[in-house]
PDB file of N, CA and C in Angstrom:
ATOM      1  N   MET A   1      90.710  85.298  83.441  1.00  0.00           N
ATOM      2  CA  MET A   1      91.616  85.371  84.342  1.00  0.00           C
ATOM      3  C   MET A   1      92.570  84.589  83.688  1.00  0.00           C
ATOM      4  N   ASP A   2      93.982  84.576  83.955  1.00  0.00           N
ATOM      5  CA  ASP A   2      94.694  83.498  83.725  1.00  0.00           C
ATOM      6  C   ASP A   2      95.136  82.918  84.899  1.00  0.00           C
ATOM      7  N   LYS A   3      95.899  81.926  84.328  1.00  0.00           N
ATOM      8  CA  LYS A   3      96.112  80.766  85.830  1.00  0.00           C
ATOM      9  C   LYS A   3      96.604  81.326  86.916  1.00  0.00           C
ATOM     10  N   GLY A   4      97.737  81.929  86.472  1.00  0.00           N
ATOM     11  CA  GLY A   4      98.557  82.709  87.902  1.00  0.00           C
ATOM     12  C   GLY A   4      97.622  83.927  88.753  1.00  0.00           C
ATOM     13  N   THR A   5      96.806  84.457  88.446  1.00  0.00           N
ATOM     14  CA  THR A   5      96.160  85.119  89.007  1.00  0.00           C
ATOM     15  C   THR A   5      95.527  84.592  89.929  1.00  0.00           C
ATOM     16  N   ILE A   6      94.510  83.259  89.400  1.00  0.00           N
ATOM     17  CA  ILE A   6      93.871  82.593  90.100  1.00  0.00           C
ATOM     18  C   ILE A   6      94.597  81.992  91.080  1.00  0.00           C
ATOM     19  N   VAL A   7      95.492  80.969  91.181  1.00  0.00           N
ATOM     20  CA  VAL A   7      96.472  80.308  92.281  1.00  0.00           C
ATOM     21  C   VAL A   7      96.767  81.563  93.064  1.00  0.00           C
ATOM     22  N   ARG A   8      97.101  82.849  92.746  1.00  0.00           N
ATOM     23  CA  ARG A   8      97.833  83.964  93.550  1.00  0.00           C
ATOM     24  C   ARG A   8      96.358  84.116  94.626  1.00  0.00           C
ATOM     25  N   THR A   9      95.206  84.338  93.694  1.00  0.00           N
ATOM     26  CA  THR A   9      93.928  84.621  94.656  1.00  0.00           C
ATOM     27  C   THR A   9      93.513  83.258  95.763  1.00  0.00           C
ATOM     28  N   VAL A  10      94.032  82.201  95.139  1.00  0.00           N
ATOM     29  CA  VAL A  10      93.175  81.048  95.878  1.00  0.00           C
ATOM     30  C   VAL A  10      94.580  80.725  97.326  1.00  0.00           C
ATOM     31  N   VAL A  11      95.770  81.131  96.650  1.00  0.00           N
ATOM     32  CA  VAL A  11      96.383  80.557  97.972  1.00  0.00           C
ATOM     33  C   VAL A  11      96.270  82.165  98.885  1.00  0.00           C
ATOM     34  N   LEU A  12      96.259  83.262  98.366  1.00  0.00           N
ATOM     35  CA  LEU A  12      95.924  84.566  99.301  1.00  0.00           C
ATOM     36  C   LEU A  12      94.978  83.810 100.400  1.00  0.00           C
ATOM     37  N   VAL A  13      93.900  83.673  99.499  1.00  0.00           N
ATOM     38  CA  VAL A  13      92.549  83.263 100.472  1.00  0.00           C
ATOM     39  C   VAL A  13      92.837  82.659 101.750  1.00  0.00           C
ATOM     40  N   ILE A  14      93.432  81.233 100.950  1.00  0.00           N
ATOM     41  CA  ILE A  14      94.142  80.001 102.173  1.00  0.00           C
ATOM     42  C   ILE A  14      94.593  80.555 103.428  1.00  0.00           C
ATOM     43  N   VAL A  15      95.929  81.611 102.692  1.00  0.00           N
ATOM     44  CA  VAL A  15      97.104  81.939 104.037  1.00  0.00           C
ATOM     45  C   VAL A  15      96.066  82.609 104.983  1.00  0.00           C
ATOM     46  N   TRP A  16      95.152  83.842 104.620  1.00  0.00           N
ATOM     47  CA  TRP A  16      94.311  84.546 105.403  1.00  0.00           C
ATOM     48  C   TRP A  16      93.859  83.952 106.401  1.00  0.00           C
ATOM     49  N   ILE A  17      92.616  82.849 105.589  1.00  0.00           N
ATOM     50  CA  ILE A  17      91.826  82.199 106.567  1.00  0.00           C
ATOM     51  C   ILE A  17      92.368  81.822 107.381  1.00  0.00           C
ATOM     52  N   ASN A  18      93.906  81.087 107.631  1.00  0.00           N
ATOM     53  CA  ASN A  18      94.657  79.871 107.984  1.00  0.00           C
ATOM     54  C   ASN A  18      94.639  81.431 109.212  1.00  0.00           C
ATOM     55  N   MET A  19      95.290  82.172 109.045  1.00  0.00           N
ATOM     56  CA  MET A  19      95.995  83.241 109.759  1.00  0.00           C
ATOM     57  C   MET A  19      95.000  83.707 111.000  1.00  0.00           C
ATOM     58  N   LEU A  20      93.429  83.405 110.476  1.00  0.00           N
ATOM     59  CA  LEU A  20      92.465  84.454 111.204  1.00  0.00           C
ATOM     60  C   LEU A  20      92.140  83.179 112.104  1.00  0.00           C
ATOM     61  N   LEU A  21      91.902  81.975 111.490  1.00  0.00           N
ATOM     62  CA  LEU A  21      91.512  81.040 112.536  1.00  0.00           C
ATOM     63  C   LEU A  21      92.707  80.679 113.771  1.00  0.00           C
ATOM     64  N   SER A  22      93.876  80.705 113.209  1.00  0.00           N
ATOM     65  CA  SER A  22      94.824  80.989 114.064  1.00  0.00           C
ATOM     66  C   SER A  22      94.601  82.035 115.375  1.00  0.00           C
ATOM     67  N   ASN A  23      94.390  83.026 114.922  1.00  0.00           N
ATOM     68  CA  ASN A  23      94.513  84.038 116.040  1.00  0.00           C
ATOM     69  C   ASN A  23      92.939  84.369 116.555  1.00  0.00           C
ATOM     70  N   TYR A  24      92.239  83.281 116.657  1.00  0.00           N
ATOM     71  CA  TYR A  24      90.633  83.151 117.007  1.00  0.00           C
ATOM     72  C   TYR A  24      90.898  82.392 117.572  1.00  0.00           C
ATOM     73  N   GLY A  25      92.167  81.775 118.222  1.00  0.00           N
ATOM     74  CA  GLY A  25      92.172  80.404 119.132  1.00  0.00           C
ATOM     75  C   GLY A  25      91.193  79.215 118.137  1.00  0.00           C
ATOM     76  N   LEU A  26      91.559  78.946 117.019  1.00  0.00           N
ATOM     77  CA  LEU A  26      90.235  77.997 116.531  1.00  0.00           C
ATOM     78  C   LEU A  26      91.495  77.171 115.321  1.00  0.00           C
ATOM     79  N   GLN A  27      91.259  75.526 115.177  1.00  0.00           N
ATOM     80  CA  GLN A  27      92.287  74.903 114.435  1.00  0.00           C
ATOM     81  C   GLN A  27      92.772  75.409 113.055  1.00  0.00           C
ATOM     82  N   PRO A  28      93.691  75.802 112.888  1.00  0.00           N
ATOM     83  CA  PRO A  28      93.918  76.201 111.638  1.00  0.00           C
ATOM     84  C   PRO A  28      93.786  75.277 110.829  1.00  0.00           C
ATOM     85  N   ILE A  29      94.044  75.660 109.102  1.00  0.00           N
ATOM     86  CA  ILE A  29      94.477  74.689 107.871  1.00  0.00           C
ATOM     87  C   ILE A  29      95.406  73.713 108.450  1.00  0.00           C
ATOM     88  N   PRO A  30      95.644  72.366 108.311  1.00  0.00           N
ATOM     89  CA  PRO A  30      96.597  71.473 108.613  1.00  0.00           C
ATOM     90  C   PRO A  30      97.895  71.815 108.021  1.00  0.00           C
ATOM     91  N   VAL A  31      97.624  72.549 106.554  1.00  0.00           N
ATOM     92  CA  VAL A  31      98.721  72.530 105.580  1.00  0.00           C
ATOM     93  C   VAL A  31     100.300  73.060 106.832  1.00  0.00           C
ATOM     94  N   VAL A  32      99.183  74.416 107.845  1.00  0.00           N
ATOM     95  CA  VAL A  32     100.449  75.718 108.377  1.00  0.00           C
ATOM     96  C   VAL A  32     100.092  75.058 109.575  1.00  0.00           C
ATOM     97  N   SER A  33     100.882  74.618 110.348  1.00  0.00           N
ATOM     98  CA  SER A  33     100.463  74.501 111.872  1.00  0.00           C
ATOM     99  C   SER A  33     100.933  75.536 112.789  1.00  0.00           C
ATOM    100  N   GLU A  34     101.906  76.640 112.903  1.00  0.00           N
ATOM    101  CA  GLU A  34     102.676  77.086 113.343  1.00  0.00           C
ATOM    102  C   GLU A  34     102.032  78.397 113.142  1.00  0.00           C
ATOM    103  N   ASP A  35     101.784  79.430 114.607  1.00  0.00           N
ATOM    104  CA  ASP A  35     101.415  80.500 113.602  1.00  0.00           C
ATOM    105  C   ASP A  35     102.639  81.606 113.373  1.00  0.00           C
ATOM    106  N   VAL A  36     103.849  81.483 113.057  1.00  0.00           N
ATOM    107  CA  VAL A  36     104.616  82.096 113.137  1.00  0.00           C
ATOM    108  C   VAL A  36     105.141  82.137 110.958  1.00  0.00           C
ATOM    109  N   ILE A  37     104.620  80.792 110.820  1.00  0.00           N
ATOM    110  CA  ILE A  37     104.580  80.540 109.356  1.00  0.00           C
ATOM    111  C   ILE A  37     103.405  81.053 109.243  1.00  0.00           C
ATOM    112  N   ALA A  38     102.384  81.387 109.665  1.00  0.00           N
ATOM    113  CA  ALA A  38     101.333  81.280 108.986  1.00  0.00           C
ATOM    114  C   ALA A  38     101.436  83.182 108.565  1.00  0.00           C
ATOM    115  N   GLU A  39     101.844  84.053 109.794  1.00  0.00           N
ATOM    116  CA  GLU A  39     102.151  84.980 109.384  1.00  0.00           C
ATOM    117  C   GLU A  39     103.409  85.503 108.302  1.00  0.00           C
ATOM    118  N   ILE A  40     104.089  84.489 108.259  1.00  0.00           N
ATOM    119  CA  ILE A  40     105.225  84.932 107.298  1.00  0.00           C
ATOM    120  C   ILE A  40     104.753  84.847 105.653  1.00  0.00           C
ATOM    121  N   LEU A  41     103.619  83.534 105.720  1.00  0.00           N
ATOM    122  CA  LEU A  41     102.867  83.342 104.447  1.00  0.00           C
ATOM    123  C   LEU A  41     102.170  84.160 104.222  1.00  0.00           C
ATOM    124  N   ALA A  42     101.239  84.986 105.162  1.00  0.00           N
ATOM    125  CA  ALA A  42     100.183  85.962 104.680  1.00  0.00           C
ATOM    126  C   ALA A  42     100.956  87.370 104.648  1.00  0.00           C
ATOM    127  N   GLY A  43     102.612  87.439 104.850  1.00  0.00           N
ATOM    128  CA  GLY A  43     102.825  88.471 104.396  1.00  0.00           C
ATOM    129  C   GLY A  43     103.524  88.693 103.059  1.00  0.00           C
ATOM    130  N   VAL A  44     103.849  87.291 102.740  1.00  0.00           N
ATOM    131  CA  VAL A  44     104.842  86.925 101.860  1.00  0.00           C
ATOM    132  C   VAL A  44     103.383  87.035 100.445  1.00  0.00           C
ATOM    133  N   VAL A  45     102.587  85.967 100.525  1.00  0.00           N
ATOM    134  CA  VAL A  45     101.385  86.089  99.687  1.00  0.00           C
ATOM    135  C   VAL A  45     100.958  87.588  99.612  1.00  0.00           C
ATOM    136  N   THR A  46     101.208  88.505 100.493  1.00  0.00           N
ATOM    137  CA  THR A  46      99.888  89.903 100.438  1.00  0.00           C
ATOM    138  C   THR A  46     101.028  90.184  99.297  1.00  0.00           C
ATOM    139  N   ILE A  47     102.346  90.218  99.953  1.00  0.00           N
ATOM    140  CA  ILE A  47     103.523  91.201  98.832  1.00  0.00           C
ATOM    141  C   ILE A  47     103.448  90.771  97.220  1.00  0.00           C
ATOM    142  N   TRP A  48     103.204  89.544  97.288  1.00  0.00           N
ATOM    143  CA  TRP A  48     103.247  88.987  95.845  1.00  0.00           C
ATOM    144  C   TRP A  48     102.369  89.384  95.054  1.00  0.00           C
ATOM    145  N   THR A  49     100.809  88.904  95.877  1.00  0.00           N
ATOM    146  CA  THR A  49      99.601  89.448  95.291  1.00  0.00           C
ATOM    147  C   THR A  49      99.623  91.133  94.750  1.00  0.00           C
ATOM    148  N   TRP A  50     100.073  92.213  95.649  1.00  0.00           N
ATOM    149  CA  TRP A  50     100.122  93.310  95.371  1.00  0.00           C
ATOM    150  C   TRP A  50     101.208  93.756  94.541  1.00  0.00           C
ATOM    151  N   PHE A  51     102.485  92.983  94.481  1.00  0.00           N
ATOM    152  CA  PHE A  51     103.060  92.847  93.394  1.00  0.00           C
ATOM    153  C   PHE A  51     102.726  92.538  91.712  1.00  0.00           C
ATOM    154  N   LYS A  52     101.832  91.829  92.077  1.00  0.00           N
ATOM    155  CA  LYS A  52     101.655  90.986  90.508  1.00  0.00           C
ATOM    156  C   LYS A  52     100.258  91.581  89.782  1.00  0.00           C
ATOM    157  N   ASN A  53     100.244  92.573  90.661  1.00  0.00           N
ATOM    158  CA  ASN A  53      98.415  92.597  90.292  1.00  0.00           C
ATOM    159  C   ASN A  53      98.879  94.681  89.785  1.00  0.00           C
ATOM    160  N   ASN A  54     100.052  95.164  90.090  1.00  0.00           N
ATOM    161  CA  ASN A  54     100.087  96.084  90.446  1.00  0.00           C
ATOM    162  C   ASN A  54     101.212  96.960  89.196  1.00  0.00           C
ATOM    163  N   TYR A  55     101.216  97.907  88.834  1.00  0.00           N
ATOM    164  CA  TYR A  55     102.346  98.221  87.621  1.00  0.00           C
ATOM    165  C   TYR A  55     103.434  99.034  88.380  1.00  0.00           C
ATOM    166  N   VAL A  56     103.825  97.967  89.234  1.00  0.00           N
ATOM    167  CA  VAL A  56     105.136  98.991  90.072  1.00  0.00           C
ATOM    168  C   VAL A  56     106.686  98.442  89.638  1.00  0.00           C
ATOM    169  N   THR A  57     106.839  98.245  88.661  1.00  0.00           N
ATOM    170  CA  THR A  57     107.852  97.733  87.809  1.00  0.00           C
ATOM    171  C   THR A  57     108.320  98.542  86.461  1.00  0.00           C
ATOM    172  N   VAL A  58     109.388  98.817  85.885  1.00  0.00           N
ATOM    173  CA  VAL A  58     109.146  99.154  84.586  1.00  0.00           C
ATOM    174  C   VAL A  58     108.599  98.246  83.397  1.00  0.00           C
ATOM    175  N   LYS A  59     108.582  96.772  83.523  1.00  0.00           N
ATOM    176  CA  LYS A  59     108.119  96.148  82.537  1.00  0.00           C
ATOM    177  C   LYS A  59     106.280  96.550  83.144  1.00  0.00           C
ATOM    178  N   GLY A  60     106.022  96.551  84.049  1.00  0.00           N
ATOM    179  CA  GLY A  60     104.424  96.985  84.653  1.00  0.00           C
ATOM    180  C   GLY A  60     104.135  98.280  83.733  1.00  0.00           C
ATOM    181  N   LYS A  61     104.790  98.793  83.938  1.00  0.00           N
ATOM    182  CA  LYS A  61     105.041 100.603  83.566  1.00  0.00           C
ATOM    183  C   LYS A  61     104.407 100.534  82.213  1.00  0.00           C
ATOM    184  N   GLN A  62     105.259  99.552  81.524  1.00  0.00           N
ATOM    185  CA  GLN A  62     105.192 100.088  80.232  1.00  0.00           C
ATOM    186  C   GLN A  62     104.164  98.947  79.523  1.00  0.00           C
ATOM    187  N   GLN A  63     103.402  98.247  80.299  1.00  0.00           N
ATOM    188  CA  GLN A  63     102.451  97.412  79.777  1.00  0.00           C
ATOM    189  C   GLN A  63     101.089  97.962  80.299  1.00  0.00           C
ATOM    190  N   LYS A  64     101.297  99.255  81.152  1.00  0.00           N
ATOM    191  CA  LYS A  64     100.043  99.658  81.595  1.00  0.00           C
ATOM    192  C   LYS A  64      99.941 100.875  80.753  1.00  0.00           C
ATOM    193  N   GLN A  65     101.051 101.180  80.184  1.00  0.00           N
ATOM    194  CA  GLN A  65     101.120 102.620  79.142  1.00  0.00           C
ATOM    195  C   GLN A  65     100.640 101.887  77.669  1.00  0.00           C
ATOM    196  N   VAL A  66     101.168 100.859  77.553  1.00  0.00           N
ATOM    197  CA  VAL A  66     100.460 100.140  76.292  1.00  0.00           C
ATOM    198  C   VAL A  66      99.035  99.933  76.231  1.00  0.00           C
ATOM    199  N   LEU A  67      98.097  99.625  77.312  1.00  0.00           N
ATOM    200  CA  LEU A  67      96.988  99.174  77.981  1.00  0.00           C
ATOM    201  C   LEU A  67      96.172 101.026  77.708  1.00  0.00           C
ATOM    202  N   GLN A  68      96.474 101.766  78.011  1.00  0.00           N
ATOM    203  CA  GLN A  68      96.376 103.201  78.212  1.00  0.00           C
ATOM    204  C   GLN A  68      96.338 103.631  76.614  1.00  0.00           C
ATOM    205  N   GLN A  69      97.601 103.526  76.246  1.00  0.00           N
ATOM    206  CA  GLN A  69      97.716 103.640  74.626  1.00  0.00           C
ATOM    207  C   GLN A  69      96.394 103.380  73.783  1.00  0.00           C
ATOM    208  N   ASN A  70      96.202 101.744  73.852  1.00  0.00           N
ATOM    209  CA  ASN A  70      95.141 101.085  73.252  1.00  0.00           C
ATOM    210  C   ASN A  70      93.405 100.865  74.053  1.00  0.00           C
ATOM    211  N   GLN A  71      93.645 102.548  74.572  1.00  0.00           N
ATOM    212  CA  GLN A  71      92.260 102.266  75.729  1.00  0.00           C
ATOM    213  C   GLN A  71      91.738 100.964  75.587  1.00  0.00           C
ATOM    214  N   LEU A  72      92.606  99.878  77.160  1.00  0.00           N
ATOM    215  CA  LEU A  72      92.017  99.352  77.365  1.00  0.00           C
ATOM    216  C   LEU A  72      91.604  99.259  78.656  1.00  0.00           C
ATOM    217  N   THR A  73      92.339  99.898  79.385  1.00  0.00           N
ATOM    218  CA  THR A  73      91.898 100.715  80.858  1.00  0.00           C
ATOM    219  C   THR A  73      91.909 101.818  81.472  1.00  0.00           C
ATOM    220  N   LYS A  74      90.979 102.113  82.345  1.00  0.00           N
ATOM    221  CA  LYS A  74      90.647 103.261  83.082  1.00  0.00           C
ATOM    222  C   LYS A  74      92.052 104.270  82.964  1.00  0.00           C
TER     223      LYS A  74
END
């Protein structure tokens, strides 16, 4: 795994934990104190993680094609 994947995964987990804690009336992680901010962050990180880990851009589609040509992906 590269550093970007690890950072995205950690941020995604923190944001979702914070949002769930907030939704269940528990004390959220102090970094994000507002429900609205937590929801916005969850949405942004979810889209960011999805976008970075899928082949949705032209460059990403080219990368997938190269991986398939070299039998490096299913």
